[in-house]
Amino acid sequence: MATETAERRAAHRRGLKVTALACLAGVAAGLVSSSVATGPSDTLGLAVAAAAIFASMGAMQVVGVDVSEFSTKDHLYVAFMTFSLWFVVWTILLTTGTSL
């Protein structure tokens, strides 16, 4: 019973790390896109989001998450979370006219 609890906690911590890093990468990508892209039609903003997806995988390895165990579903989850947060942050910054 104690082993099940320890395994569940380890899996929960892993999930928290993956979600937090994916979301932080998306927010950072949104801020970078706002500062380097000229507007919403500039594809450089999307390139920043794609780079953030790959960078978040590297950051997960640094923090101790075993990315080699990721399934396709896990990779899609990280990509979706990073893209979603990038989209929300960059949209808010574009609509408010904020420049960084």
N, C-alpha and C. Protein backbone atom coordinates (compact mmCIF):
# COMPACT_ATOMS: atom_id res chain seq x y z
N MET A 1 0.82 -1.19 0.00
CA MET A 1 0.00 0.00 0.00
C MET A 1 0.87 1.26 0.00
N ALA A 2 1.94 1.24 0.76
CA ALA A 2 2.83 2.40 0.81
C ALA A 2 3.53 2.60 -0.53
N THR A 3 3.80 1.48 -1.21
CA THR A 3 4.45 1.58 -2.52
C THR A 3 3.53 2.24 -3.52
N GLU A 4 2.24 1.88 -3.48
CA GLU A 4 1.28 2.49 -4.39
C GLU A 4 1.19 3.99 -4.15
N THR A 5 1.19 4.40 -2.90
CA THR A 5 1.11 5.83 -2.58
C THR A 5 2.35 6.56 -3.06
N ALA A 6 3.53 5.97 -2.88
CA ALA A 6 4.76 6.60 -3.32
C ALA A 6 4.80 6.70 -4.85
N GLU A 7 4.34 5.66 -5.53
CA GLU A 7 4.32 5.69 -7.00
C GLU A 7 3.32 6.72 -7.51
N ARG A 8 2.18 6.81 -6.85
CA ARG A 8 1.19 7.79 -7.26
C ARG A 8 1.69 9.21 -7.05
N ARG A 9 2.39 9.43 -5.94
CA ARG A 9 2.94 10.77 -5.70
C ARG A 9 4.02 11.11 -6.71
N ALA A 10 4.87 10.15 -7.04
CA ALA A 10 5.92 10.40 -8.03
C ALA A 10 5.30 10.70 -9.39
N ALA A 11 4.27 9.97 -9.77
CA ALA A 11 3.59 10.23 -11.04
C ALA A 11 2.91 11.60 -11.02
N HIS A 12 2.36 11.98 -9.88
CA HIS A 12 1.71 13.28 -9.76
C HIS A 12 2.74 14.41 -9.88
N ARG A 13 3.88 14.25 -9.22
CA ARG A 13 4.95 15.26 -9.32
C ARG A 13 5.46 15.39 -10.74
N ARG A 14 5.59 14.25 -11.43
CA ARG A 14 6.03 14.27 -12.82
C ARG A 14 5.03 15.04 -13.67
N GLY A 15 3.74 14.80 -13.46
CA GLY A 15 2.71 15.51 -14.21
C GLY A 15 2.72 17.01 -13.93
N LEU A 16 2.96 17.37 -12.69
CA LEU A 16 3.05 18.79 -12.34
C LEU A 16 4.24 19.46 -13.02
N LYS A 17 5.37 18.76 -13.03
CA LYS A 17 6.56 19.32 -13.69
C LYS A 17 6.32 19.52 -15.18
N VAL A 18 5.74 18.50 -15.83
CA VAL A 18 5.49 18.58 -17.27
C VAL A 18 4.54 19.73 -17.59
N THR A 19 3.44 19.82 -16.85
CA THR A 19 2.46 20.87 -17.10
C THR A 19 3.03 22.26 -16.83
N ALA A 20 3.74 22.41 -15.72
CA ALA A 20 4.30 23.71 -15.37
C ALA A 20 5.33 24.17 -16.39
N LEU A 21 6.21 23.27 -16.79
CA LEU A 21 7.24 23.67 -17.77
C LEU A 21 6.64 23.97 -19.13
N ALA A 22 5.64 23.21 -19.55
CA ALA A 22 4.99 23.48 -20.84
C ALA A 22 4.29 24.84 -20.81
N CYS A 23 3.60 25.13 -19.70
CA CYS A 23 2.89 26.41 -19.59
C CYS A 23 3.86 27.59 -19.50
N LEU A 24 4.91 27.44 -18.72
CA LEU A 24 5.90 28.52 -18.61
C LEU A 24 6.61 28.75 -19.95
N ALA A 25 6.87 27.69 -20.68
CA ALA A 25 7.48 27.85 -22.01
C ALA A 25 6.54 28.61 -22.94
N GLY A 26 5.24 28.33 -22.85
CA GLY A 26 4.26 29.04 -23.67
C GLY A 26 4.17 30.51 -23.33
N VAL A 27 4.18 30.82 -22.05
CA VAL A 27 4.13 32.23 -21.62
C VAL A 27 5.39 32.96 -22.08
N ALA A 28 6.53 32.34 -21.89
CA ALA A 28 7.79 32.96 -22.33
C ALA A 28 7.79 33.16 -23.84
N ALA A 29 7.29 32.18 -24.58
CA ALA A 29 7.24 32.31 -26.04
C ALA A 29 6.31 33.43 -26.46
N GLY A 30 5.21 33.60 -25.75
CA GLY A 30 4.30 34.71 -26.06
C GLY A 30 4.95 36.06 -25.83
N LEU A 31 5.71 36.18 -24.76
CA LEU A 31 6.42 37.43 -24.49
C LEU A 31 7.50 37.69 -25.52
N VAL A 32 8.24 36.65 -25.89
CA VAL A 32 9.29 36.81 -26.90
C VAL A 32 8.67 37.14 -28.25
N SER A 33 7.58 36.47 -28.61
CA SER A 33 6.91 36.77 -29.88
C SER A 33 6.45 38.22 -29.94
N SER A 34 5.98 38.73 -28.82
CA SER A 34 5.53 40.11 -28.78
C SER A 34 6.68 41.08 -29.01
N SER A 35 7.86 40.70 -28.56
CA SER A 35 8.98 41.63 -28.69
C SER A 35 9.70 41.50 -30.03
N VAL A 36 9.67 40.33 -30.68
CA VAL A 36 10.43 40.18 -31.92
C VAL A 36 9.58 40.25 -33.17
N ALA A 37 8.30 39.92 -33.10
CA ALA A 37 7.44 39.94 -34.27
C ALA A 37 6.88 41.34 -34.49
N THR A 38 6.66 41.67 -35.76
CA THR A 38 6.16 43.00 -36.08
C THR A 38 4.65 43.10 -35.96
N GLY A 39 3.96 41.97 -35.99
CA GLY A 39 2.51 41.99 -35.88
C GLY A 39 1.96 40.58 -35.96
N PRO A 40 0.64 40.46 -35.99
CA PRO A 40 0.04 39.13 -35.97
C PRO A 40 0.29 38.31 -37.23
N SER A 41 0.58 38.95 -38.33
CA SER A 41 0.83 38.21 -39.57
C SER A 41 2.29 37.83 -39.75
N ASP A 42 3.14 38.21 -38.82
CA ASP A 42 4.57 37.88 -38.90
C ASP A 42 4.76 36.43 -38.46
N THR A 43 5.33 35.61 -39.34
CA THR A 43 5.51 34.18 -39.03
C THR A 43 6.64 33.93 -38.04
N LEU A 44 7.39 34.95 -37.73
CA LEU A 44 8.45 34.80 -36.73
C LEU A 44 7.85 34.48 -35.36
N GLY A 45 6.67 34.99 -35.09
CA GLY A 45 5.99 34.68 -33.83
C GLY A 45 5.67 33.20 -33.70
N LEU A 46 5.24 32.59 -34.78
CA LEU A 46 4.94 31.16 -34.78
C LEU A 46 6.22 30.33 -34.68
N ALA A 47 7.29 30.82 -35.27
CA ALA A 47 8.58 30.13 -35.16
C ALA A 47 9.07 30.12 -33.72
N VAL A 48 8.81 31.21 -33.01
CA VAL A 48 9.18 31.27 -31.59
C VAL A 48 8.39 30.23 -30.80
N ALA A 49 7.11 30.06 -31.12
CA ALA A 49 6.29 29.05 -30.44
C ALA A 49 6.82 27.65 -30.71
N ALA A 50 7.19 27.37 -31.94
CA ALA A 50 7.74 26.05 -32.28
C ALA A 50 9.06 25.80 -31.55
N ALA A 51 9.88 26.82 -31.47
CA ALA A 51 11.15 26.68 -30.74
C ALA A 51 10.90 26.45 -29.25
N ALA A 52 9.87 27.07 -28.72
CA ALA A 52 9.55 26.90 -27.30
C ALA A 52 9.09 25.48 -27.00
N ILE A 53 8.41 24.86 -27.95
CA ILE A 53 7.97 23.48 -27.76
C ILE A 53 9.18 22.56 -27.65
N PHE A 54 10.16 22.75 -28.53
CA PHE A 54 11.37 21.92 -28.47
C PHE A 54 12.22 22.26 -27.25
N ALA A 55 12.26 23.52 -26.89
CA ALA A 55 13.05 23.92 -25.72
C ALA A 55 12.45 23.39 -24.43
N SER A 56 11.13 23.28 -24.38
CA SER A 56 10.50 22.77 -23.16
C SER A 56 10.85 21.30 -22.94
N MET A 57 11.02 20.55 -24.03
CA MET A 57 11.45 19.15 -23.89
C MET A 57 12.85 19.08 -23.29
N GLY A 58 13.73 19.95 -23.72
CA GLY A 58 15.07 19.99 -23.14
C GLY A 58 15.05 20.42 -21.69
N ALA A 59 14.19 21.37 -21.36
CA ALA A 59 14.09 21.83 -19.97
C ALA A 59 13.55 20.72 -19.08
N MET A 60 12.68 19.90 -19.62
CA MET A 60 12.15 18.79 -18.82
C MET A 60 13.24 17.78 -18.49
N GLN A 61 14.13 17.55 -19.43
CA GLN A 61 15.25 16.65 -19.17
C GLN A 61 16.16 17.21 -18.09
N VAL A 62 16.36 18.52 -18.10
CA VAL A 62 17.21 19.16 -17.11
C VAL A 62 16.61 19.02 -15.71
N VAL A 63 15.29 19.12 -15.61
CA VAL A 63 14.62 19.04 -14.32
C VAL A 63 14.49 17.60 -13.83
N GLY A 64 14.73 16.65 -14.70
CA GLY A 64 14.70 15.26 -14.27
C GLY A 64 13.54 14.44 -14.78
N VAL A 65 12.77 14.95 -15.71
CA VAL A 65 11.68 14.20 -16.30
C VAL A 65 12.25 13.34 -17.42
N ASP A 66 11.95 12.05 -17.41
CA ASP A 66 12.46 11.14 -18.43
C ASP A 66 11.60 11.25 -19.68
N VAL A 67 12.07 12.02 -20.64
CA VAL A 67 11.32 12.29 -21.87
C VAL A 67 11.30 11.06 -22.77
N SER A 68 12.25 10.16 -22.60
CA SER A 68 12.27 8.96 -23.45
C SER A 68 11.08 8.06 -23.19
N GLU A 69 10.44 8.20 -22.04
CA GLU A 69 9.25 7.42 -21.72
C GLU A 69 7.97 8.06 -22.25
N PHE A 70 8.06 9.22 -22.87
CA PHE A 70 6.88 9.91 -23.37
C PHE A 70 6.26 9.14 -24.53
N SER A 71 4.94 9.08 -24.52
CA SER A 71 4.22 8.50 -25.65
C SER A 71 3.84 9.66 -26.59
N THR A 72 3.21 9.31 -27.67
CA THR A 72 2.75 10.35 -28.60
C THR A 72 1.77 11.29 -27.91
N LYS A 73 0.93 10.72 -27.06
CA LYS A 73 -0.05 11.52 -26.32
C LYS A 73 0.65 12.56 -25.44
N ASP A 74 1.75 12.18 -24.78
CA ASP A 74 2.49 13.12 -23.93
C ASP A 74 3.11 14.24 -24.75
N HIS A 75 3.69 13.89 -25.89
CA HIS A 75 4.29 14.92 -26.76
C HIS A 75 3.21 15.88 -27.27
N LEU A 76 2.07 15.34 -27.65
CA LEU A 76 0.99 16.21 -28.12
C LEU A 76 0.46 17.10 -26.99
N TYR A 77 0.42 16.58 -25.78
CA TYR A 77 -0.01 17.37 -24.63
C TYR A 77 0.92 18.55 -24.40
N VAL A 78 2.22 18.29 -24.41
CA VAL A 78 3.21 19.36 -24.20
C VAL A 78 3.09 20.40 -25.32
N ALA A 79 2.97 19.94 -26.56
CA ALA A 79 2.85 20.87 -27.69
C ALA A 79 1.57 21.70 -27.58
N PHE A 80 0.47 21.06 -27.19
CA PHE A 80 -0.79 21.78 -27.07
C PHE A 80 -0.75 22.82 -25.96
N MET A 81 -0.23 22.44 -24.81
CA MET A 81 -0.18 23.38 -23.68
C MET A 81 0.73 24.57 -24.01
N THR A 82 1.88 24.28 -24.60
CA THR A 82 2.80 25.37 -24.95
C THR A 82 2.18 26.28 -25.99
N PHE A 83 1.59 25.70 -27.03
CA PHE A 83 0.96 26.50 -28.07
C PHE A 83 -0.20 27.32 -27.52
N SER A 84 -1.03 26.71 -26.67
CA SER A 84 -2.19 27.41 -26.13
C SER A 84 -1.79 28.62 -25.30
N LEU A 85 -0.83 28.45 -24.42
CA LEU A 85 -0.39 29.58 -23.59
C LEU A 85 0.30 30.64 -24.43
N TRP A 86 1.07 30.22 -25.43
CA TRP A 86 1.70 31.18 -26.34
C TRP A 86 0.62 32.00 -27.04
N PHE A 87 -0.40 31.32 -27.54
CA PHE A 87 -1.48 31.98 -28.27
C PHE A 87 -2.22 32.98 -27.39
N VAL A 88 -2.55 32.58 -26.18
CA VAL A 88 -3.30 33.45 -25.26
C VAL A 88 -2.47 34.67 -24.89
N VAL A 89 -1.21 34.46 -24.51
CA VAL A 89 -0.36 35.58 -24.10
C VAL A 89 -0.11 36.53 -25.25
N TRP A 90 0.23 35.99 -26.42
CA TRP A 90 0.51 36.87 -27.56
C TRP A 90 -0.75 37.60 -28.00
N THR A 91 -1.90 36.94 -27.97
CA THR A 91 -3.16 37.60 -28.33
C THR A 91 -3.48 38.75 -27.39
N ILE A 92 -3.30 38.52 -26.10
CA ILE A 92 -3.56 39.58 -25.12
C ILE A 92 -2.63 40.77 -25.36
N LEU A 93 -1.35 40.47 -25.60
CA LEU A 93 -0.40 41.56 -25.83
C LEU A 93 -0.68 42.30 -27.12
N LEU A 94 -1.14 41.58 -28.16
CA LEU A 94 -1.47 42.25 -29.43
C LEU A 94 -2.73 43.09 -29.31
N THR A 95 -3.72 42.60 -28.59
CA THR A 95 -4.98 43.35 -28.49
C THR A 95 -4.85 44.58 -27.62
N THR A 96 -4.04 44.50 -26.60
CA THR A 96 -3.89 45.66 -25.73
C THR A 96 -2.88 46.67 -26.28
N GLY A 97 -2.18 46.28 -27.33
CA GLY A 97 -1.20 47.20 -27.92
C GLY A 97 0.06 47.36 -27.08
N THR A 98 0.33 46.41 -26.23
CA THR A 98 1.51 46.45 -25.37
C THR A 98 2.75 46.10 -26.17
N SER A 99 3.80 46.86 -25.99
CA SER A 99 5.07 46.53 -26.65
C SER A 99 6.12 46.30 -25.59
N LEU A 100 6.91 45.29 -25.81
CA LEU A 100 7.96 44.94 -24.85
C LEU A 100 9.31 45.35 -25.36
